[in-house]
Every structure is written in C-alpha cells, then in structure tokens.
Protein backbone atom coordinates (compact mmCIF):
# COMPACT_ATOMS: atom_id res chain seq x y z
CA MET A 1 -13.90 48.37 -59.40
CA ARG A 2 -14.19 45.02 -57.64
CA LYS A 3 -12.46 43.25 -60.58
CA ILE A 4 -9.62 45.80 -60.62
CA VAL A 5 -9.10 45.33 -56.74
CA LEU A 6 -9.22 41.44 -57.22
CA ALA A 7 -6.62 41.74 -60.13
CA LEU A 8 -4.29 43.82 -57.82
CA LEU A 9 -4.52 41.35 -54.92
CA VAL A 10 -3.55 38.49 -57.43
CA LEU A 11 -0.79 40.49 -58.87
CA ALA A 12 0.34 41.32 -55.18
CA THR A 13 0.18 37.67 -54.20
CA LEU A 14 1.99 36.41 -57.20
CA THR A 15 4.74 39.01 -56.43
CA SER A 16 4.96 38.00 -52.94
CA LEU A 17 5.14 34.30 -54.03
CA LYS A 18 7.98 35.02 -56.27
CA GLU A 19 9.95 36.95 -53.62
CA ASP A 20 9.55 34.27 -51.27
CA HIS A 21 11.38 31.76 -53.39
CA LEU A 22 14.15 34.32 -54.12
CA THR A 23 17.40 33.47 -52.44
CA THR A 24 19.56 36.72 -51.98
CA ILE A 25 23.36 36.74 -52.29
CA PHE A 26 24.62 39.83 -50.38
CA VAL A 27 28.01 41.28 -51.10
CA ILE A 28 30.04 43.24 -48.59
CA GLY A 29 33.26 44.76 -49.36
CA ASP A 30 35.12 47.64 -50.97
CA SER A 31 35.63 49.47 -54.45
CA THR A 32 36.73 46.43 -56.12
CA ALA A 33 33.25 45.03 -55.65
CA ALA A 34 31.33 48.22 -55.17
CA LYS A 35 28.61 49.83 -57.21
CA LYS A 36 29.90 52.61 -59.36
CA ASP A 37 28.47 55.76 -60.86
CA THR A 38 27.65 54.89 -64.38
CA THR A 39 26.24 58.20 -65.59
CA ASN A 40 27.60 60.06 -68.55
CA GLY A 41 29.39 57.01 -70.10
CA LYS A 42 31.59 56.17 -67.09
CA VAL A 43 33.03 52.70 -67.37
CA GLU A 44 34.41 51.82 -63.96
CA ARG A 45 32.85 48.84 -62.54
CA GLY A 46 32.86 46.65 -59.24
CA TRP A 47 33.11 43.08 -60.21
CA ALA A 48 29.80 42.36 -58.01
CA MET A 49 27.96 44.63 -60.35
CA ALA A 50 28.26 41.82 -62.93
CA LEU A 51 27.59 39.01 -60.76
CA GLN A 52 23.85 38.99 -61.26
CA ASP A 53 24.65 38.19 -65.03
CA TYR A 54 25.72 34.62 -63.95
CA PHE A 55 22.59 33.67 -61.99
CA ASP A 56 18.93 33.28 -62.92
CA SER A 57 17.28 36.44 -61.41
CA ASP A 58 13.97 34.57 -60.98
CA TYR A 59 15.65 32.66 -58.20
CA ILE A 60 18.76 34.40 -57.21
CA ARG A 61 18.89 38.06 -56.41
CA VAL A 62 22.35 39.69 -55.91
CA ASP A 63 22.18 42.60 -53.50
CA ASN A 64 25.63 44.48 -53.52
CA HIS A 65 26.37 46.66 -50.65
CA ALA A 66 30.21 46.96 -51.16
CA VAL A 67 31.21 50.54 -50.92
CA ASN A 68 34.45 52.44 -52.26
CA GLY A 69 37.04 52.83 -49.74
CA ARG A 70 35.63 50.75 -46.74
CA SER A 71 37.57 48.32 -44.71
CA SER A 72 36.26 45.46 -42.43
CA LYS A 73 36.35 48.06 -39.76
CA SER A 74 34.81 51.17 -41.31
CA PHE A 75 31.91 48.95 -42.89
CA ILE A 76 30.92 48.15 -39.41
CA ASP A 77 31.52 51.55 -37.68
CA GLU A 78 29.53 53.27 -40.32
CA GLY A 79 26.58 51.17 -39.61
CA ARG A 80 26.70 49.53 -43.10
CA TRP A 81 26.76 45.92 -41.59
CA ASP A 82 23.85 46.54 -39.45
CA LYS A 83 21.70 47.44 -42.47
CA VAL A 84 22.79 44.41 -44.37
CA LEU A 85 22.00 42.23 -41.11
CA SER A 86 18.58 43.54 -40.87
CA LEU A 87 17.82 42.23 -44.65
CA ILE A 88 19.18 38.65 -44.24
CA ARG A 89 16.78 35.90 -44.49
CA PRO A 90 17.37 32.17 -43.57
CA GLY A 91 19.06 30.60 -46.64
CA ASP A 92 20.55 33.75 -48.01
CA TYR A 93 24.21 34.01 -48.65
CA VAL A 94 26.67 36.85 -47.52
CA ILE A 95 29.86 37.28 -49.54
CA ILE A 96 32.46 38.90 -47.29
CA GLN A 97 35.40 40.45 -48.97
CA PHE A 98 37.88 43.12 -47.58
CA GLY A 99 41.36 43.70 -47.38
CA HIS A 100 42.34 46.51 -49.90
CA ASN A 101 41.58 49.20 -47.30
CA ASP A 102 42.44 47.29 -43.94
CA GLU A 103 45.99 47.74 -45.16
CA LYS A 104 45.71 51.56 -45.06
CA ALA A 105 47.27 53.41 -42.27
CA GLN A 106 44.37 55.74 -41.33
CA PRO A 107 42.88 54.69 -37.91
CA ALA A 108 39.29 54.72 -39.19
CA ARG A 109 40.08 52.02 -41.60
CA HIS A 110 43.09 49.99 -40.48
CA THR A 111 43.32 46.63 -39.11
CA ASP A 112 45.92 44.12 -38.50
CA PRO A 113 45.87 40.46 -39.87
CA GLY A 114 45.87 37.90 -37.10
CA SER A 115 44.10 40.36 -34.83
CA THR A 116 41.67 43.02 -35.66
CA PHE A 117 41.15 41.81 -39.28
CA ASP A 118 40.38 38.43 -38.18
CA TYR A 119 38.12 39.59 -35.51
CA ASN A 120 36.02 41.64 -37.85
CA LEU A 121 35.66 38.83 -40.47
CA ALA A 122 34.65 36.31 -37.63
CA LYS A 123 31.96 38.92 -36.60
CA TYR A 124 30.51 39.00 -40.08
CA VAL A 125 30.38 35.10 -40.26
CA ARG A 126 28.96 34.75 -36.68
CA GLU A 127 26.28 37.27 -36.99
CA THR A 128 25.28 35.95 -40.49
CA ARG A 129 24.83 32.60 -39.01
CA GLU A 130 22.77 33.95 -36.20
CA ARG A 131 20.40 35.32 -38.86
CA GLY A 132 20.16 31.99 -40.58
CA GLY A 133 22.44 33.20 -43.40
CA ILE A 134 25.50 31.39 -45.02
CA PRO A 135 28.69 33.34 -44.95
CA VAL A 136 31.16 33.10 -47.75
CA ILE A 137 34.57 34.58 -47.23
CA MET A 138 36.52 35.75 -50.04
CA ASN A 139 40.15 37.20 -49.84
CA PRO A 140 40.94 40.46 -51.64
CA VAL A 141 41.51 40.38 -55.58
CA VAL A 142 44.85 41.12 -56.63
CA ARG A 143 46.11 44.52 -57.87
CA ARG A 144 47.78 44.58 -61.42
CA ASN A 145 51.12 45.01 -60.07
CA PHE A 146 53.96 44.01 -62.38
CA MET A 147 56.40 46.54 -61.03
CA VAL A 148 59.92 45.07 -60.48
CA LYS A 149 59.77 46.75 -56.94
CA ALA A 150 56.36 47.01 -55.57
CA PRO A 151 55.36 50.72 -54.33
CA GLU A 152 54.27 51.39 -51.00
CA VAL A 153 50.58 50.71 -50.66
CA ALA A 154 48.93 54.04 -51.70
CA ASP A 155 45.10 54.96 -51.22
CA ASP A 156 43.46 53.20 -53.96
CA GLU A 157 40.69 55.74 -54.09
CA LEU A 158 43.18 58.49 -55.26
CA LEU A 159 43.45 56.45 -58.44
CA ARG A 160 39.89 57.59 -59.14
CA THR A 161 40.68 61.24 -59.63
CA SER A 162 44.21 60.65 -61.29
CA THR A 163 44.98 60.86 -65.05
CA PHE A 164 47.51 59.04 -67.17
CA LYS A 165 50.26 61.40 -66.37
CA ASP A 166 49.76 60.95 -62.63
CA GLY A 167 50.68 57.06 -62.87
CA VAL A 168 53.64 55.88 -61.13
CA LYS A 169 56.54 55.73 -63.41
CA MET A 170 58.33 52.58 -62.62
CA ILE A 171 59.69 49.49 -64.63
CA GLU A 172 57.46 46.71 -65.10
CA GLY A 173 58.48 42.99 -65.14
CA ASP A 174 56.67 39.81 -66.32
CA SER A 175 55.68 38.59 -62.97
CA LEU A 176 52.81 39.78 -60.85
CA ILE A 177 54.00 41.13 -57.47
CA ASP A 178 51.73 40.65 -54.43
CA THR A 179 50.65 43.64 -52.54
CA HIS A 180 48.36 42.01 -49.76
CA GLY A 181 50.53 39.79 -47.97
CA LEU A 182 48.88 38.46 -44.75
CA TYR A 183 45.76 40.22 -45.60
CA ALA A 184 45.22 37.50 -48.44
CA GLN A 185 46.06 34.87 -45.95
CA ALA A 186 44.02 35.96 -42.90
CA PRO A 187 40.73 35.41 -44.86
CA ARG A 188 41.52 31.86 -45.55
CA ASP A 189 42.66 31.24 -41.87
CA VAL A 190 39.42 32.66 -40.48
CA ALA A 191 37.27 30.42 -42.94
CA GLU A 192 39.16 27.37 -41.80
CA ARG A 193 38.88 28.16 -38.00
CA MET A 194 35.16 28.83 -38.40
CA ASN A 195 34.40 26.09 -41.01
CA CYS A 196 33.25 28.64 -43.39
CA LEU A 197 32.89 28.52 -47.18
CA PHE A 198 35.98 30.11 -48.75
CA VAL A 199 36.59 31.42 -52.27
CA ASP A 200 40.40 32.08 -53.12
CA ALA A 201 39.66 35.34 -54.94
CA ASN A 202 43.26 36.31 -54.56
CA LYS A 203 44.57 33.24 -56.50
CA ILE A 204 41.82 33.39 -59.03
CA THR A 205 42.60 36.88 -60.01
CA HIS A 206 46.35 36.27 -59.88
CA ASP A 207 46.18 33.47 -62.29
CA LEU A 208 43.90 35.69 -64.62
CA GLU A 209 46.06 38.57 -64.46
CA GLN A 210 49.32 36.67 -64.78
CA GLY A 211 47.92 34.39 -67.54
CA LEU A 212 47.10 37.61 -69.55
CA GLY A 213 50.34 39.03 -69.01
CA ARG A 214 51.64 42.72 -68.38
CA GLU A 215 50.18 44.33 -71.44
CA VAL A 216 46.79 42.35 -72.02
CA SER A 217 45.85 42.50 -68.28
CA LYS A 218 45.53 46.34 -68.69
CA LYS A 219 42.32 45.79 -70.60
CA LEU A 220 40.62 44.58 -67.39
CA HIS A 221 41.40 47.75 -65.49
CA MET A 222 40.93 51.56 -65.59
CA TRP A 223 44.06 51.87 -67.65
CA PHE A 224 43.63 54.01 -70.65
CA LEU A 225 45.93 56.08 -72.84
CA PRO A 226 44.97 59.83 -73.17
CA GLY A 227 42.07 59.80 -75.91
CA GLU A 228 41.47 56.06 -75.70
CA GLU A 229 38.32 56.24 -73.69
CA PRO A 230 35.82 59.06 -74.13
CA SER A 231 34.98 59.04 -70.37
CA GLU A 232 38.44 59.43 -69.52
CA PRO A 233 39.86 61.98 -71.89
CA GLN A 234 43.18 62.43 -70.02
CA GLY A 235 43.76 58.83 -69.69
CA LYS A 236 44.27 56.62 -66.42
CA GLN A 237 46.63 54.21 -64.94
CA ASP A 238 44.60 52.66 -62.41
CA ASN A 239 45.94 49.14 -61.56
CA THR A 240 43.28 48.40 -58.80
CA HIS A 241 39.76 48.95 -60.33
CA TYR A 242 38.02 47.26 -63.14
CA ASN A 243 36.34 48.67 -66.25
CA LYS A 244 33.12 46.98 -67.68
CA TYR A 245 35.05 44.27 -69.33
CA GLY A 246 37.27 43.48 -66.33
CA ALA A 247 34.40 43.35 -63.97
CA ARG A 248 32.49 41.04 -66.13
CA VAL A 249 35.40 38.61 -66.49
CA VAL A 250 36.18 38.70 -62.84
CA ALA A 251 32.45 38.09 -61.73
CA GLY A 252 32.49 35.34 -64.10
CA LEU A 253 35.50 33.41 -62.67
CA LEU A 254 34.10 34.30 -59.08
CA ALA A 255 30.68 33.03 -60.01
CA GLU A 256 32.04 29.60 -61.18
CA ALA A 257 33.96 29.32 -57.99
CA LEU A 258 31.22 30.00 -55.86
CA VAL A 259 29.10 27.26 -57.50
CA LYS A 260 31.83 24.98 -56.95
CA GLU A 261 31.93 25.69 -53.26
CA ILE A 262 27.96 25.68 -53.22
CA PRO A 263 26.68 23.00 -55.60
CA LEU A 264 22.95 23.90 -54.60
CA LEU A 265 23.52 27.13 -56.76
CA ASP A 266 24.46 25.09 -59.69
CA LYS A 267 20.93 24.97 -61.28
CA TYR A 268 20.67 28.60 -61.21
CA TYR A 269 24.00 29.34 -62.69
CA LEU A 270 24.35 30.93 -66.11
CA LYS A 271 27.74 29.78 -67.10
CA ASP A 272 28.15 32.20 -69.99
CA GLY A 273 26.33 35.06 -68.41
CA ARG A 274 23.73 37.41 -69.85
CA ASN A 275 24.80 39.13 -73.09
CA HIS A 276 24.80 42.89 -72.99
C-alpha cells in the first residue's frame, strides 16, 4: 500500500511539474474561431480548434474559449471574460478576435468602431496585462464574399441552419469584397495605441481566399452541393464558417504569423502541424 501511495505522489508531482512549465494560449472570439459540435460526422470547425496542431503540447496548451455568435460586448456581459481572467497565469497569451458580431444591429451584441468596440478591446488588453498575461489582438477573418454587390451584413449564425437552396443568389466576380470596414481597422488602431501585439488576420485570410479564387476558396468553407457532404445532405452555402480543411489551413497561417510576432514561441512551433 505504501508503495502505491508513493507512486501516486510521484505521479502527481511529475504532473504538477509538467503543468507548471506549460504556457497557455487562450483564444476569445466568435464562431470563426469557436469550438464546434463534432458529433455524427459534423465537419464545421473554428480555426482555433486546429491551433494546437501547430504547437508542441508538452509546452504550449491552446485553451479555446471562443463561442458562436459572440461579440466583444456579449462575451463580457455573459461573464465569459471573467472566467478566462480567472485562468490566466503570468506569461500566458490571450488572442483577442472579435468583429463579425459587433457589426450586428442587436443591442446585446452591437458595438461601434472608434467607440465601444475599441473600448472593449482595450479592456481585454488592460485586464490581461493586469494578470501578467500577454495580449495579442487579431482583427476578424474575412468572409468569402466574391459577390459583385456585397449583401447587407446578415446574421452569420443563421447560415448554420440553412441549406444550399437558401443561399443568396447573386453574381460573383473575381475580387473579394470587404464586409468588415472599420471593424477590421479598429483592432489595429487599439493595438498601436496600447503597444499591443497585433496579427492582421483580415489581410492573411483575404490573401488566402483571393489567392485561391472564387471557386477553389469554397473548399475552405461550409460550402457543399446537395449530396456532396454526408453530414450536410441538403448542401450549404456558408461563406463565413470553415470546414475541417479550412480551419486547419487558416490556423496554420495564423500560427505562423503569431510566431513572427512572438519569437519566443518559435522553438515550440510545429511548422507543418500534426497529421490527422
């Protein structure tokens, strides 16, 4: 019995030591990064679900708190930020990425760039630093919008319950059209004012989607013809959310940009990711 107790104590000590040298990268944001329901073969993924694949898990732990439909405002109001704050240890990183839902008109989510949006981003930065953490602001990833005339910003969450026939029928051109406006610029402005690390996720994903072009870029998203994807038998035209392939590609590009901004992470960086 004594040997068993000693063995358990040694194991607990080793586990504690391992946890002590782990640095956590927290992610807060919306559905483009969030954890998804993966049961029954569902293929929608947030990019942050794949971020761990690009870092050595013996030293870097990715803790994804991004949630579908949240804005910089609702994430705070629902107490989600307080939960993350309670977990931050000195030396941890917090990736802050909002914008998709701050654009929406609903009072519970809406913020204004240059005003309330900036205030919330600054709050995340300030309070992360107060905990000894290191904030990293990212602006929102682009929507795959090649439409000649960009539609009014709809609720991205409704795309999740839509089918292929529900898709917007509009003519697409060859150039990606911006839908974020000042919501993509404000995070950069806050980062500059607060001397905060910044990753231009908007430009990175713009260049990705534009480089792939109108048709091939669909392969990143929940964009399926009827019968093409077993988990979406009626098909889907979702130009916002990623599938497994898209999330992995975007996570790889953002991980690379993160390491460029934070050279200390380079020795834990897995350039080609883990194979699945």
